[in-house]
Amino acid sequence: MTMTSDEYRAALDKLGINQQAAGRFFEVGSRTARRWALGEARVPNPVAMILQLMLKKRLKVEIPIWNEQARDFDSTQIWKLSAERKLE
């Protein structure tokens, strides 16, 4: 399953997440997510499949809350895909 950089950017836009958040979600660096968006690196098949499934099922990503004092993510917050929180 292939996904072009244009399709990748369009999927992120429709899901309402930026490249940095996508990098965190897929557990890659922000540079890697940016390279996918620019077409400098191929979007891995598992990433393409997850994004396409999210779009098909209209799932929304809930981004963990950033804790400025700790400069880290609140460990109680976990990435969630929620069928109850569908895209509009």
N, C-alpha and C. Protein backbone atom coordinates (compact mmCIF):
# COMPACT_ATOMS: atom_id res chain seq x y z
N MET A 1 0.85 -1.16 0.00
CA MET A 1 0.00 0.00 0.00
C MET A 1 0.90 1.23 0.00
N THR A 2 0.74 2.06 -0.98
CA THR A 2 1.58 3.25 -1.07
C THR A 2 0.76 4.50 -0.80
N MET A 3 1.46 5.49 -0.28
CA MET A 3 0.84 6.79 -0.01
C MET A 3 1.85 7.85 -0.43
N THR A 4 1.41 8.76 -1.26
CA THR A 4 2.29 9.84 -1.69
C THR A 4 2.40 10.89 -0.59
N SER A 5 3.35 11.77 -0.74
CA SER A 5 3.51 12.85 0.23
C SER A 5 2.27 13.76 0.23
N ASP A 6 1.69 13.97 -0.95
CA ASP A 6 0.46 14.78 -1.03
C ASP A 6 -0.68 14.10 -0.28
N GLU A 7 -0.82 12.79 -0.44
CA GLU A 7 -1.87 12.04 0.26
C GLU A 7 -1.62 12.06 1.77
N TYR A 8 -0.36 11.95 2.15
CA TYR A 8 0.01 11.98 3.57
C TYR A 8 -0.39 13.32 4.18
N ARG A 9 0.00 14.42 3.53
CA ARG A 9 -0.34 15.75 4.04
C ARG A 9 -1.85 15.96 4.08
N ALA A 10 -2.55 15.48 3.06
CA ALA A 10 -4.01 15.63 3.03
C ALA A 10 -4.66 14.84 4.16
N ALA A 11 -4.14 13.65 4.45
CA ALA A 11 -4.69 12.83 5.54
C ALA A 11 -4.48 13.52 6.88
N LEU A 12 -3.28 14.06 7.11
CA LEU A 12 -3.02 14.77 8.36
C LEU A 12 -3.94 15.97 8.49
N ASP A 13 -4.11 16.69 7.40
CA ASP A 13 -4.97 17.87 7.42
C ASP A 13 -6.41 17.49 7.76
N LYS A 14 -6.90 16.45 7.13
CA LYS A 14 -8.28 16.02 7.37
C LYS A 14 -8.45 15.51 8.81
N LEU A 15 -7.42 14.89 9.36
CA LEU A 15 -7.47 14.39 10.73
C LEU A 15 -7.21 15.51 11.75
N GLY A 16 -6.75 16.66 11.27
CA GLY A 16 -6.53 17.79 12.15
C GLY A 16 -5.28 17.70 13.00
N ILE A 17 -4.25 17.01 12.48
CA ILE A 17 -3.00 16.93 13.23
C ILE A 17 -1.86 17.46 12.37
N ASN A 18 -0.86 18.03 13.02
CA ASN A 18 0.28 18.55 12.28
C ASN A 18 1.38 17.48 12.17
N GLN A 19 2.44 17.82 11.47
CA GLN A 19 3.52 16.84 11.25
C GLN A 19 4.21 16.46 12.54
N GLN A 20 4.38 17.41 13.44
CA GLN A 20 5.03 17.11 14.72
C GLN A 20 4.19 16.12 15.53
N ALA A 21 2.88 16.35 15.58
CA ALA A 21 2.00 15.43 16.30
C ALA A 21 1.98 14.06 15.63
N ALA A 22 2.01 14.04 14.31
CA ALA A 22 2.05 12.77 13.59
C ALA A 22 3.32 12.01 13.93
N GLY A 23 4.44 12.72 14.03
CA GLY A 23 5.69 12.08 14.42
C GLY A 23 5.60 11.44 15.78
N ARG A 24 4.99 12.16 16.73
CA ARG A 24 4.82 11.59 18.07
C ARG A 24 3.88 10.40 18.04
N PHE A 25 2.79 10.52 17.28
CA PHE A 25 1.81 9.44 17.20
C PHE A 25 2.44 8.16 16.64
N PHE A 26 3.26 8.31 15.59
CA PHE A 26 3.88 7.14 14.96
C PHE A 26 5.24 6.80 15.58
N GLU A 27 5.59 7.53 16.65
CA GLU A 27 6.83 7.30 17.39
C GLU A 27 8.08 7.39 16.52
N VAL A 28 8.10 8.47 15.72
CA VAL A 28 9.28 8.80 14.92
C VAL A 28 9.61 10.26 15.21
N GLY A 29 10.77 10.67 14.83
CA GLY A 29 11.15 12.07 15.03
C GLY A 29 10.38 13.00 14.12
N SER A 30 10.33 14.27 14.51
CA SER A 30 9.61 15.25 13.69
C SER A 30 10.27 15.40 12.32
N ARG A 31 11.57 15.18 12.25
CA ARG A 31 12.27 15.26 10.97
C ARG A 31 11.79 14.16 10.02
N THR A 32 11.59 12.97 10.54
CA THR A 32 11.09 11.86 9.72
C THR A 32 9.70 12.17 9.19
N ALA A 33 8.82 12.66 10.06
CA ALA A 33 7.46 13.01 9.63
C ALA A 33 7.50 14.11 8.57
N ARG A 34 8.41 15.07 8.73
CA ARG A 34 8.56 16.14 7.75
C ARG A 34 9.07 15.60 6.42
N ARG A 35 10.00 14.65 6.47
CA ARG A 35 10.52 14.04 5.23
C ARG A 35 9.43 13.29 4.48
N TRP A 36 8.51 12.63 5.22
CA TRP A 36 7.37 11.97 4.57
C TRP A 36 6.51 13.02 3.87
N ALA A 37 6.27 14.14 4.54
CA ALA A 37 5.41 15.20 4.00
C ALA A 37 6.02 15.87 2.78
N LEU A 38 7.34 15.96 2.75
CA LEU A 38 8.03 16.62 1.64
C LEU A 38 8.34 15.65 0.49
N GLY A 39 8.09 14.38 0.70
CA GLY A 39 8.41 13.39 -0.34
C GLY A 39 9.87 13.01 -0.38
N GLU A 40 10.61 13.38 0.66
CA GLU A 40 12.04 13.04 0.73
C GLU A 40 12.25 11.60 1.20
N ALA A 41 11.23 11.03 1.82
CA ALA A 41 11.26 9.64 2.27
C ALA A 41 9.88 9.04 2.03
N ARG A 42 9.87 7.77 1.73
CA ARG A 42 8.61 7.06 1.47
C ARG A 42 7.83 6.91 2.76
N VAL A 43 6.51 7.14 2.67
CA VAL A 43 5.63 6.92 3.82
C VAL A 43 5.56 5.40 4.01
N PRO A 44 5.96 4.88 5.17
CA PRO A 44 5.93 3.43 5.39
C PRO A 44 4.51 2.87 5.24
N ASN A 45 4.43 1.66 4.72
CA ASN A 45 3.13 1.03 4.51
C ASN A 45 2.27 0.98 5.78
N PRO A 46 2.83 0.61 6.94
CA PRO A 46 1.98 0.60 8.15
C PRO A 46 1.40 1.97 8.48
N VAL A 47 2.18 3.03 8.28
CA VAL A 47 1.70 4.39 8.53
C VAL A 47 0.57 4.72 7.57
N ALA A 48 0.77 4.41 6.29
CA ALA A 48 -0.27 4.66 5.28
C ALA A 48 -1.54 3.89 5.62
N MET A 49 -1.39 2.65 6.02
CA MET A 49 -2.56 1.83 6.35
C MET A 49 -3.31 2.39 7.55
N ILE A 50 -2.60 2.82 8.58
CA ILE A 50 -3.24 3.38 9.76
C ILE A 50 -3.98 4.66 9.41
N LEU A 51 -3.32 5.55 8.65
CA LEU A 51 -3.97 6.80 8.27
C LEU A 51 -5.21 6.55 7.43
N GLN A 52 -5.12 5.62 6.49
CA GLN A 52 -6.28 5.32 5.65
C GLN A 52 -7.41 4.71 6.47
N LEU A 53 -7.08 3.86 7.41
CA LEU A 53 -8.10 3.27 8.29
C LEU A 53 -8.75 4.36 9.15
N MET A 54 -7.93 5.25 9.69
CA MET A 54 -8.47 6.34 10.49
C MET A 54 -9.44 7.20 9.68
N LEU A 55 -9.09 7.48 8.44
CA LEU A 55 -9.97 8.27 7.59
C LEU A 55 -11.24 7.51 7.24
N LYS A 56 -11.09 6.24 6.92
CA LYS A 56 -12.24 5.43 6.55
C LYS A 56 -13.24 5.29 7.70
N LYS A 57 -12.71 5.06 8.90
CA LYS A 57 -13.56 4.88 10.08
C LYS A 57 -13.88 6.20 10.77
N ARG A 58 -13.32 7.30 10.21
CA ARG A 58 -13.56 8.64 10.73
C ARG A 58 -13.16 8.76 12.20
N LEU A 59 -11.99 8.20 12.51
CA LEU A 59 -11.48 8.25 13.88
C LEU A 59 -10.67 9.52 14.08
N LYS A 60 -10.72 10.04 15.27
CA LYS A 60 -10.00 11.26 15.61
C LYS A 60 -8.90 10.94 16.61
N VAL A 61 -7.76 11.57 16.44
CA VAL A 61 -6.64 11.41 17.35
C VAL A 61 -6.79 12.42 18.47
N GLU A 62 -6.68 11.95 19.69
CA GLU A 62 -6.66 12.84 20.85
C GLU A 62 -5.20 12.97 21.29
N ILE A 63 -4.68 14.16 21.18
CA ILE A 63 -3.27 14.41 21.48
C ILE A 63 -3.09 14.60 22.99
N PRO A 64 -2.09 13.95 23.57
CA PRO A 64 -1.84 14.11 25.02
C PRO A 64 -1.61 15.56 25.40
N ILE A 65 -1.93 15.89 26.62
CA ILE A 65 -1.76 17.25 27.13
C ILE A 65 -0.28 17.49 27.43
N TRP A 66 0.23 18.60 26.98
CA TRP A 66 1.63 18.96 27.21
C TRP A 66 1.74 19.63 28.57
N ASN A 67 2.64 19.15 29.38
CA ASN A 67 2.87 19.71 30.70
C ASN A 67 4.09 20.62 30.62
N GLU A 68 3.86 21.93 30.55
CA GLU A 68 4.96 22.89 30.38
C GLU A 68 5.98 22.83 31.50
N GLN A 69 5.54 22.66 32.75
CA GLN A 69 6.48 22.63 33.87
C GLN A 69 7.44 21.45 33.76
N ALA A 70 6.91 20.29 33.41
CA ALA A 70 7.76 19.10 33.32
C ALA A 70 8.42 18.99 31.95
N ARG A 71 7.94 19.82 31.00
CA ARG A 71 8.41 19.76 29.62
C ARG A 71 8.32 18.33 29.07
N ASP A 72 7.21 17.71 29.37
CA ASP A 72 7.00 16.34 28.94
C ASP A 72 5.49 16.12 28.85
N PHE A 73 5.12 14.99 28.29
CA PHE A 73 3.71 14.65 28.23
C PHE A 73 3.28 14.04 29.55
N ASP A 74 2.10 14.39 29.98
CA ASP A 74 1.52 13.81 31.18
C ASP A 74 1.39 12.31 30.94
N SER A 75 2.03 11.53 31.76
CA SER A 75 2.07 10.08 31.53
C SER A 75 0.69 9.43 31.65
N THR A 76 -0.27 10.14 32.24
CA THR A 76 -1.61 9.57 32.35
C THR A 76 -2.39 9.75 31.06
N GLN A 77 -1.88 10.61 30.20
CA GLN A 77 -2.56 10.84 28.92
C GLN A 77 -1.94 9.92 27.87
N ILE A 78 -2.77 9.20 27.18
CA ILE A 78 -2.31 8.24 26.17
C ILE A 78 -3.00 8.57 24.87
N TRP A 79 -2.28 8.34 23.77
CA TRP A 79 -2.91 8.53 22.46
C TRP A 79 -4.14 7.65 22.40
N LYS A 80 -5.20 8.19 21.90
CA LYS A 80 -6.43 7.42 21.81
C LYS A 80 -7.04 7.56 20.42
N LEU A 81 -7.57 6.49 19.94
CA LEU A 81 -8.42 6.52 18.76
C LEU A 81 -9.80 6.19 19.29
N SER A 82 -10.69 7.09 19.11
CA SER A 82 -11.99 6.90 19.71
C SER A 82 -13.09 6.94 18.69
N ALA A 83 -13.85 5.87 18.61
CA ALA A 83 -14.97 5.82 17.68
C ALA A 83 -16.04 6.82 18.09
N GLU A 84 -16.07 7.19 19.37
CA GLU A 84 -17.06 8.16 19.83
C GLU A 84 -16.69 9.57 19.40
N ARG A 85 -15.43 9.80 19.13
CA ARG A 85 -14.97 11.14 18.74
C ARG A 85 -14.67 11.15 17.27
N LYS A 86 -15.67 11.06 16.47
CA LYS A 86 -15.51 10.99 15.03
C LYS A 86 -15.19 12.36 14.46
N LEU A 87 -14.55 12.34 13.31
CA LEU A 87 -14.27 13.58 12.59
C LEU A 87 -15.58 14.19 12.14
N GLU A 88 -15.58 15.50 12.02
CA GLU A 88 -16.79 16.17 11.57
C GLU A 88 -16.77 16.39 10.09
